[in-house]
């Protein structure tokens, strides 16, 4: 299943679904749009995590141990 999604994401063709040609293109379109939304959401989450982690990493480099406190307790 994952290989099918990866092939579609890269721009390749996914293996044909077991249905009529008309239904197949509709299924591929739905799967691709779902995959696209998942990728966008994942990218957004990773970017937010990087933004939250960046100050912590810089504080650790300076030798401050406060960076080890969970971000939920620190004031932004």
PDB file of N, CA and C in Angstrom:
ATOM      1  N   UNK A   1       0.829  -1.201   0.000  1.00  0.00           N
ATOM      2  CA  UNK A   1       0.000   0.000   0.000  1.00  0.00           C
ATOM      3  C   UNK A   1       0.864   1.251   0.000  1.00  0.00           C
ATOM      4  N   UNK A   2       1.901   1.284   0.851  1.00  0.00           N
ATOM      5  CA  UNK A   2       2.764   2.459   0.924  1.00  0.00           C
ATOM      6  C   UNK A   2       3.487   2.698  -0.399  1.00  0.00           C
ATOM      7  N   UNK A   3       3.914   1.616  -1.045  1.00  0.00           N
ATOM      8  CA  UNK A   3       4.623   1.775  -2.316  1.00  0.00           C
ATOM      9  C   UNK A   3       3.704   2.381  -3.367  1.00  0.00           C
ATOM     10  N   UNK A   4       2.428   2.000  -3.336  1.00  0.00           N
ATOM     11  CA  UNK A   4       1.470   2.587  -4.271  1.00  0.00           C
ATOM     12  C   UNK A   4       1.391   4.095  -4.059  1.00  0.00           C
ATOM     13  N   UNK A   5       1.295   4.517  -2.792  1.00  0.00           N
ATOM     14  CA  UNK A   5       1.184   5.942  -2.482  1.00  0.00           C
ATOM     15  C   UNK A   5       2.457   6.679  -2.866  1.00  0.00           C
ATOM     16  N   UNK A   6       3.621   6.072  -2.592  1.00  0.00           N
ATOM     17  CA  UNK A   6       4.892   6.709  -2.938  1.00  0.00           C
ATOM     18  C   UNK A   6       5.007   6.890  -4.449  1.00  0.00           C
ATOM     19  N   UNK A   7       4.636   5.868  -5.202  1.00  0.00           N
ATOM     20  CA  UNK A   7       4.724   5.949  -6.659  1.00  0.00           C
ATOM     21  C   UNK A   7       3.840   7.074  -7.183  1.00  0.00           C
ATOM     22  N   UNK A   8       2.658   7.206  -6.616  1.00  0.00           N
ATOM     23  CA  UNK A   8       1.744   8.265  -7.042  1.00  0.00           C
ATOM     24  C   UNK A   8       2.302   9.631  -6.670  1.00  0.00           C
ATOM     25  N   UNK A   9       2.898   9.742  -5.481  1.00  0.00           N
ATOM     26  CA  UNK A   9       3.433  11.021  -5.015  1.00  0.00           C
ATOM     27  C   UNK A   9       4.602  11.476  -5.874  1.00  0.00           C
ATOM     28  N   UNK A  10       5.445  10.538  -6.298  1.00  0.00           N
ATOM     29  CA  UNK A  10       6.618  10.881  -7.101  1.00  0.00           C
ATOM     30  C   UNK A  10       6.194  11.291  -8.510  1.00  0.00           C
ATOM     31  N   UNK A  11       5.044  10.844  -8.938  1.00  0.00           N
ATOM     32  CA  UNK A  11       4.567  11.201 -10.266  1.00  0.00           C
ATOM     33  C   UNK A  11       4.426   9.972 -11.139  1.00  0.00           C
ATOM     34  N   UNK A  12       4.782   8.819 -10.592  1.00  0.00           N
ATOM     35  CA  UNK A  12       4.641   7.566 -11.330  1.00  0.00           C
ATOM     36  C   UNK A  12       3.204   7.099 -11.289  1.00  0.00           C
ATOM     37  N   UNK A  13       2.949   6.006 -11.977  1.00  0.00           N
ATOM     38  CA  UNK A  13       1.595   5.459 -11.994  1.00  0.00           C
ATOM     39  C   UNK A  13       1.450   4.421 -10.889  1.00  0.00           C
ATOM     40  N   UNK A  14       0.367   4.489 -10.164  1.00  0.00           N
ATOM     41  CA  UNK A  14       0.078   3.476  -9.154  1.00  0.00           C
ATOM     42  C   UNK A  14      -0.424   2.226  -9.872  1.00  0.00           C
ATOM     43  N   UNK A  15      -0.237   1.055  -9.288  1.00  0.00           N
ATOM     44  CA  UNK A  15      -0.768  -0.161  -9.915  1.00  0.00           C
ATOM     45  C   UNK A  15      -2.274  -0.031 -10.123  1.00  0.00           C
ATOM     46  N   UNK A  16      -2.792  -0.562 -11.225  1.00  0.00           N
ATOM     47  CA  UNK A  16      -4.217  -0.379 -11.523  1.00  0.00           C
ATOM     48  C   UNK A  16      -5.117  -0.967 -10.443  1.00  0.00           C
ATOM     49  N   UNK A  17      -6.144  -0.236 -10.091  1.00  0.00           N
ATOM     50  CA  UNK A  17      -7.122  -0.718  -9.119  1.00  0.00           C
ATOM     51  C   UNK A  17      -8.033  -1.715  -9.818  1.00  0.00           C
ATOM     52  N   UNK A  18      -8.606  -2.645  -9.060  1.00  0.00           N
ATOM     53  CA  UNK A  18      -9.459  -3.670  -9.660  1.00  0.00           C
ATOM     54  C   UNK A  18     -10.882  -3.132  -9.783  1.00  0.00           C
ATOM     55  N   UNK A  19     -11.095  -2.346 -10.813  1.00  0.00           N
ATOM     56  CA  UNK A  19     -12.419  -1.793 -11.079  1.00  0.00           C
ATOM     57  C   UNK A  19     -12.456  -1.341 -12.532  1.00  0.00           C
ATOM     58  N   UNK A  20     -13.552  -0.743 -12.941  1.00  0.00           N
ATOM     59  CA  UNK A  20     -13.668  -0.273 -14.315  1.00  0.00           C
ATOM     60  C   UNK A  20     -12.711   0.898 -14.547  1.00  0.00           C
ATOM     61  N   UNK A  21     -12.295   1.141 -15.797  1.00  0.00           N
ATOM     62  CA  UNK A  21     -11.367   2.246 -16.083  1.00  0.00           C
ATOM     63  C   UNK A  21     -11.873   3.597 -15.586  1.00  0.00           C
ATOM     64  N   UNK A  22     -13.176   3.842 -15.685  1.00  0.00           N
ATOM     65  CA  UNK A  22     -13.741   5.111 -15.233  1.00  0.00           C
ATOM     66  C   UNK A  22     -13.600   5.218 -13.719  1.00  0.00           C
ATOM     67  N   UNK A  23     -13.962   4.158 -12.998  1.00  0.00           N
ATOM     68  CA  UNK A  23     -13.861   4.143 -11.543  1.00  0.00           C
ATOM     69  C   UNK A  23     -12.428   4.242 -11.077  1.00  0.00           C
ATOM     70  N   UNK A  24     -11.520   3.625 -11.844  1.00  0.00           N
ATOM     71  CA  UNK A  24     -10.110   3.621 -11.452  1.00  0.00           C
ATOM     72  C   UNK A  24      -9.557   5.038 -11.384  1.00  0.00           C
ATOM     73  N   UNK A  25      -9.807   5.835 -12.397  1.00  0.00           N
ATOM     74  CA  UNK A  25      -9.259   7.191 -12.405  1.00  0.00           C
ATOM     75  C   UNK A  25      -9.833   8.010 -11.253  1.00  0.00           C
ATOM     76  N   UNK A  26     -11.102   7.773 -10.935  1.00  0.00           N
ATOM     77  CA  UNK A  26     -11.730   8.489  -9.823  1.00  0.00           C
ATOM     78  C   UNK A  26     -11.074   8.081  -8.505  1.00  0.00           C
ATOM     79  N   UNK A  27     -10.840   6.776  -8.328  1.00  0.00           N
ATOM     80  CA  UNK A  27     -10.193   6.277  -7.106  1.00  0.00           C
ATOM     81  C   UNK A  27      -8.783   6.842  -6.997  1.00  0.00           C
ATOM     82  N   UNK A  28      -8.029   6.836  -8.083  1.00  0.00           N
ATOM     83  CA  UNK A  28      -6.660   7.368  -8.062  1.00  0.00           C
ATOM     84  C   UNK A  28      -6.671   8.845  -7.683  1.00  0.00           C
ATOM     85  N   UNK A  29      -7.621   9.590  -8.217  1.00  0.00           N
ATOM     86  CA  UNK A  29      -7.717  11.021  -7.907  1.00  0.00           C
ATOM     87  C   UNK A  29      -8.008  11.229  -6.430  1.00  0.00           C
ATOM     88  N   UNK A  30      -8.937  10.447  -5.882  1.00  0.00           N
ATOM     89  CA  UNK A  30      -9.279  10.566  -4.458  1.00  0.00           C
ATOM     90  C   UNK A  30      -8.069  10.213  -3.605  1.00  0.00           C
ATOM     91  N   UNK A  31      -7.397   9.097  -3.938  1.00  0.00           N
ATOM     92  CA  UNK A  31      -6.220   8.685  -3.172  1.00  0.00           C
ATOM     93  C   UNK A  31      -5.129   9.737  -3.248  1.00  0.00           C
ATOM     94  N   UNK A  32      -4.924  10.317  -4.425  1.00  0.00           N
ATOM     95  CA  UNK A  32      -3.874  11.319  -4.584  1.00  0.00           C
ATOM     96  C   UNK A  32      -4.197  12.565  -3.772  1.00  0.00           C
ATOM     97  N   UNK A  33      -5.457  13.001  -3.781  1.00  0.00           N
ATOM     98  CA  UNK A  33      -5.813  14.201  -3.014  1.00  0.00           C
ATOM     99  C   UNK A  33      -5.679  13.945  -1.518  1.00  0.00           C
ATOM    100  N   UNK A  34      -6.040  12.730  -1.068  1.00  0.00           N
ATOM    101  CA  UNK A  34      -5.852  12.381   0.346  1.00  0.00           C
ATOM    102  C   UNK A  34      -4.372  12.402   0.689  1.00  0.00           C
ATOM    103  N   UNK A  35      -3.565  11.813  -0.180  1.00  0.00           N
ATOM    104  CA  UNK A  35      -2.122  11.763   0.043  1.00  0.00           C
ATOM    105  C   UNK A  35      -1.549  13.171   0.092  1.00  0.00           C
ATOM    106  N   UNK A  36      -2.007  14.028  -0.803  1.00  0.00           N
ATOM    107  CA  UNK A  36      -1.528  15.409  -0.859  1.00  0.00           C
ATOM    108  C   UNK A  36      -1.836  16.128   0.448  1.00  0.00           C
ATOM    109  N   UNK A  37      -3.063  15.971   0.951  1.00  0.00           N
ATOM    110  CA  UNK A  37      -3.442  16.610   2.215  1.00  0.00           C
ATOM    111  C   UNK A  37      -2.592  16.086   3.365  1.00  0.00           C
ATOM    112  N   UNK A  38      -2.345  14.775   3.376  1.00  0.00           N
ATOM    113  CA  UNK A  38      -1.520  14.183   4.443  1.00  0.00           C
ATOM    114  C   UNK A  38      -0.105  14.744   4.387  1.00  0.00           C
ATOM    115  N   UNK A  39       0.460  14.823   3.182  1.00  0.00           N
ATOM    116  CA  UNK A  39       1.823  15.341   3.022  1.00  0.00           C
ATOM    117  C   UNK A  39       1.895  16.790   3.494  1.00  0.00           C
ATOM    118  N   UNK A  40       0.903  17.600   3.105  1.00  0.00           N
ATOM    119  CA  UNK A  40       0.889  19.012   3.503  1.00  0.00           C
ATOM    120  C   UNK A  40       0.786  19.145   5.018  1.00  0.00           C
ATOM    121  N   UNK A  41      -0.084  18.348   5.634  1.00  0.00           N
ATOM    122  CA  UNK A  41      -0.253  18.401   7.089  1.00  0.00           C
ATOM    123  C   UNK A  41       1.029  17.967   7.790  1.00  0.00           C
ATOM    124  N   UNK A  42       1.658  16.916   7.251  1.00  0.00           N
ATOM    125  CA  UNK A  42       2.902  16.418   7.848  1.00  0.00           C
ATOM    126  C   UNK A  42       4.001  17.470   7.740  1.00  0.00           C
ATOM    127  N   UNK A  43       4.122  18.100   6.583  1.00  0.00           N
ATOM    128  CA  UNK A  43       5.130  19.138   6.378  1.00  0.00           C
ATOM    129  C   UNK A  43       4.895  20.299   7.335  1.00  0.00           C
ATOM    130  N   UNK A  44       3.640  20.691   7.491  1.00  0.00           N
ATOM    131  CA  UNK A  44       3.289  21.798   8.389  1.00  0.00           C
ATOM    132  C   UNK A  44       3.670  21.460   9.829  1.00  0.00           C
ATOM    133  N   UNK A  45       3.363  20.229  10.260  1.00  0.00           N
ATOM    134  CA  UNK A  45       3.695  19.805  11.623  1.00  0.00           C
ATOM    135  C   UNK A  45       5.207  19.802  11.837  1.00  0.00           C
ATOM    136  N   UNK A  46       5.955  19.298  10.851  1.00  0.00           N
ATOM    137  CA  UNK A  46       7.412  19.254  10.980  1.00  0.00           C
ATOM    138  C   UNK A  46       7.995  20.659  11.080  1.00  0.00           C
ATOM    139  N   UNK A  47       7.468  21.588  10.282  1.00  0.00           N
ATOM    140  CA  UNK A  47       7.952  22.970  10.335  1.00  0.00           C
ATOM    141  C   UNK A  47       7.678  23.590  11.704  1.00  0.00           C
ATOM    142  N   UNK A  48       6.489  23.325  12.261  1.00  0.00           N
ATOM    143  CA  UNK A  48       6.151  23.857  13.589  1.00  0.00           C
ATOM    144  C   UNK A  48       7.068  23.263  14.657  1.00  0.00           C
ATOM    145  N   UNK A  49       7.358  21.962  14.541  1.00  0.00           N
ATOM    146  CA  UNK A  49       8.256  21.318  15.505  1.00  0.00           C
ATOM    147  C   UNK A  49       9.653  21.929  15.416  1.00  0.00           C
ATOM    148  N   UNK A  50      10.105  22.199  14.193  1.00  0.00           N
ATOM    149  CA  UNK A  50      11.433  22.804  14.015  1.00  0.00           C
ATOM    150  C   UNK A  50      11.472  24.189  14.664  1.00  0.00           C
ATOM    151  N   UNK A  51      10.398  24.968  14.493  1.00  0.00           N
ATOM    152  CA  UNK A  51      10.347  26.310  15.090  1.00  0.00           C
ATOM    153  C   UNK A  51      10.410  26.227  16.609  1.00  0.00           C
ATOM    154  N   UNK A  52       9.697  25.239  17.181  1.00  0.00           N
ATOM    155  CA  UNK A  52       9.695  25.077  18.636  1.00  0.00           C
ATOM    156  C   UNK A  52      11.050  24.578  19.128  1.00  0.00           C
ATOM    157  N   UNK A  53      11.682  23.706  18.342  1.00  0.00           N
ATOM    158  CA  UNK A  53      12.944  23.093  18.758  1.00  0.00           C
ATOM    159  C   UNK A  53      14.131  24.036  18.564  1.00  0.00           C
ATOM    160  N   UNK A  54      14.052  24.962  17.634  1.00  0.00           N
ATOM    161  CA  UNK A  54      15.186  25.844  17.334  1.00  0.00           C
ATOM    162  C   UNK A  54      15.669  26.628  18.554  1.00  0.00           C
ATOM    163  N   UNK A  55      14.818  27.305  19.319  1.00  0.00           N
ATOM    164  CA  UNK A  55      15.309  28.033  20.499  1.00  0.00           C
ATOM    165  C   UNK A  55      15.927  27.089  21.530  1.00  0.00           C
ATOM    166  N   UNK A  56      15.345  25.919  21.700  1.00  0.00           N
ATOM    167  CA  UNK A  56      15.873  24.954  22.663  1.00  0.00           C
ATOM    168  C   UNK A  56      17.283  24.532  22.270  1.00  0.00           C
ATOM    169  N   UNK A  57      17.495  24.262  20.989  1.00  0.00           N
ATOM    170  CA  UNK A  57      18.825  23.851  20.526  1.00  0.00           C
ATOM    171  C   UNK A  57      19.839  24.961  20.755  1.00  0.00           C
ATOM    172  N   UNK A  58      19.467  26.208  20.480  1.00  0.00           N
ATOM    173  CA  UNK A  58      20.409  27.317  20.657  1.00  0.00           C
ATOM    174  C   UNK A  58      20.751  27.510  22.128  1.00  0.00           C
ATOM    175  N   UNK A  59      19.790  27.304  23.021  1.00  0.00           N
ATOM    176  CA  UNK A  59      20.061  27.420  24.457  1.00  0.00           C
ATOM    177  C   UNK A  59      20.979  26.303  24.927  1.00  0.00           C
ATOM    178  N   UNK A  60      20.794  25.109  24.397  1.00  0.00           N
ATOM    179  CA  UNK A  60      21.658  23.988  24.777  1.00  0.00           C
ATOM    180  C   UNK A  60      23.089  24.289  24.343  1.00  0.00           C
ATOM    181  N   UNK A  61      23.256  24.855  23.156  1.00  0.00           N
ATOM    182  CA  UNK A  61      24.598  25.189  22.676  1.00  0.00           C
ATOM    183  C   UNK A  61      25.273  26.189  23.606  1.00  0.00           C
ATOM    184  N   UNK A  62      24.490  27.110  24.167  1.00  0.00           N
ATOM    185  CA  UNK A  62      25.046  28.104  25.081  1.00  0.00           C
ATOM    186  C   UNK A  62      25.267  27.519  26.477  1.00  0.00           C
ATOM    187  N   UNK A  63      24.798  26.302  26.705  1.00  0.00           N
ATOM    188  CA  UNK A  63      25.021  25.649  27.983  1.00  0.00           C
ATOM    189  C   UNK A  63      23.903  25.846  28.985  1.00  0.00           C
ATOM    190  N   UNK A  64      22.769  26.336  28.543  1.00  0.00           N
ATOM    191  CA  UNK A  64      21.644  26.540  29.465  1.00  0.00           C
ATOM    192  C   UNK A  64      20.845  25.237  29.567  1.00  0.00           C
ATOM    193  N   UNK A  65      20.505  24.848  30.771  1.00  0.00           N
ATOM    194  CA  UNK A  65      19.759  23.604  30.958  1.00  0.00           C
ATOM    195  C   UNK A  65      18.252  23.840  30.945  1.00  0.00           C
ATOM    196  N   UNK A  66      17.810  25.094  30.958  1.00  0.00           N
ATOM    197  CA  UNK A  66      16.376  25.389  30.929  1.00  0.00           C
ATOM    198  C   UNK A  66      15.708  24.848  29.676  1.00  0.00           C
ATOM    199  N   UNK A  67      16.475  24.643  28.619  1.00  0.00           N
ATOM    200  CA  UNK A  67      15.916  24.162  27.363  1.00  0.00           C
ATOM    201  C   UNK A  67      15.344  22.757  27.508  1.00  0.00           C
ATOM    202  N   UNK A  68      15.762  22.032  28.536  1.00  0.00           N
ATOM    203  CA  UNK A  68      15.283  20.671  28.720  1.00  0.00           C
ATOM    204  C   UNK A  68      13.886  20.621  29.332  1.00  0.00           C
ATOM    205  N   UNK A  69      13.372  21.760  29.808  1.00  0.00           N
ATOM    206  CA  UNK A  69      12.026  21.824  30.367  1.00  0.00           C
ATOM    207  C   UNK A  69      11.030  21.721  29.211  1.00  0.00           C
ATOM    208  N   UNK A  70       9.965  20.938  29.341  1.00  0.00           N
ATOM    209  CA  UNK A  70       8.982  20.816  28.255  1.00  0.00           C
ATOM    210  C   UNK A  70       8.459  22.184  27.808  1.00  0.00           C
ATOM    211  N   UNK A  71       8.258  22.340  26.501  1.00  0.00           N
ATOM    212  CA  UNK A  71       7.859  23.631  25.944  1.00  0.00           C
ATOM    213  C   UNK A  71       6.485  24.070  26.439  1.00  0.00           C
ATOM    214  N   UNK A  72       5.644  23.136  26.872  1.00  0.00           N
ATOM    215  CA  UNK A  72       4.300  23.496  27.334  1.00  0.00           C
ATOM    216  C   UNK A  72       4.355  24.336  28.612  1.00  0.00           C
ATOM    217  N   UNK A  73       5.406  24.158  29.433  1.00  0.00           N
ATOM    218  CA  UNK A  73       5.498  24.905  30.683  1.00  0.00           C
ATOM    219  C   UNK A  73       6.203  26.256  30.504  1.00  0.00           C
ATOM    220  N   UNK A  74       6.927  26.424  29.404  1.00  0.00           N
ATOM    221  CA  UNK A  74       7.629  27.696  29.187  1.00  0.00           C
ATOM    222  C   UNK A  74       6.692  28.711  28.540  1.00  0.00           C
ATOM    223  N   UNK A  75       6.885  29.981  28.838  1.00  0.00           N
ATOM    224  CA  UNK A  75       6.040  31.037  28.270  1.00  0.00           C
ATOM    225  C   UNK A  75       6.640  31.514  26.953  1.00  0.00           C
ATOM    226  N   UNK A  76       5.790  31.604  25.938  1.00  0.00           N
ATOM    227  CA  UNK A  76       6.260  32.075  24.625  1.00  0.00           C
ATOM    228  C   UNK A  76       5.963  33.546  24.477  1.00  0.00           C
TER     229      UNK A  76
END
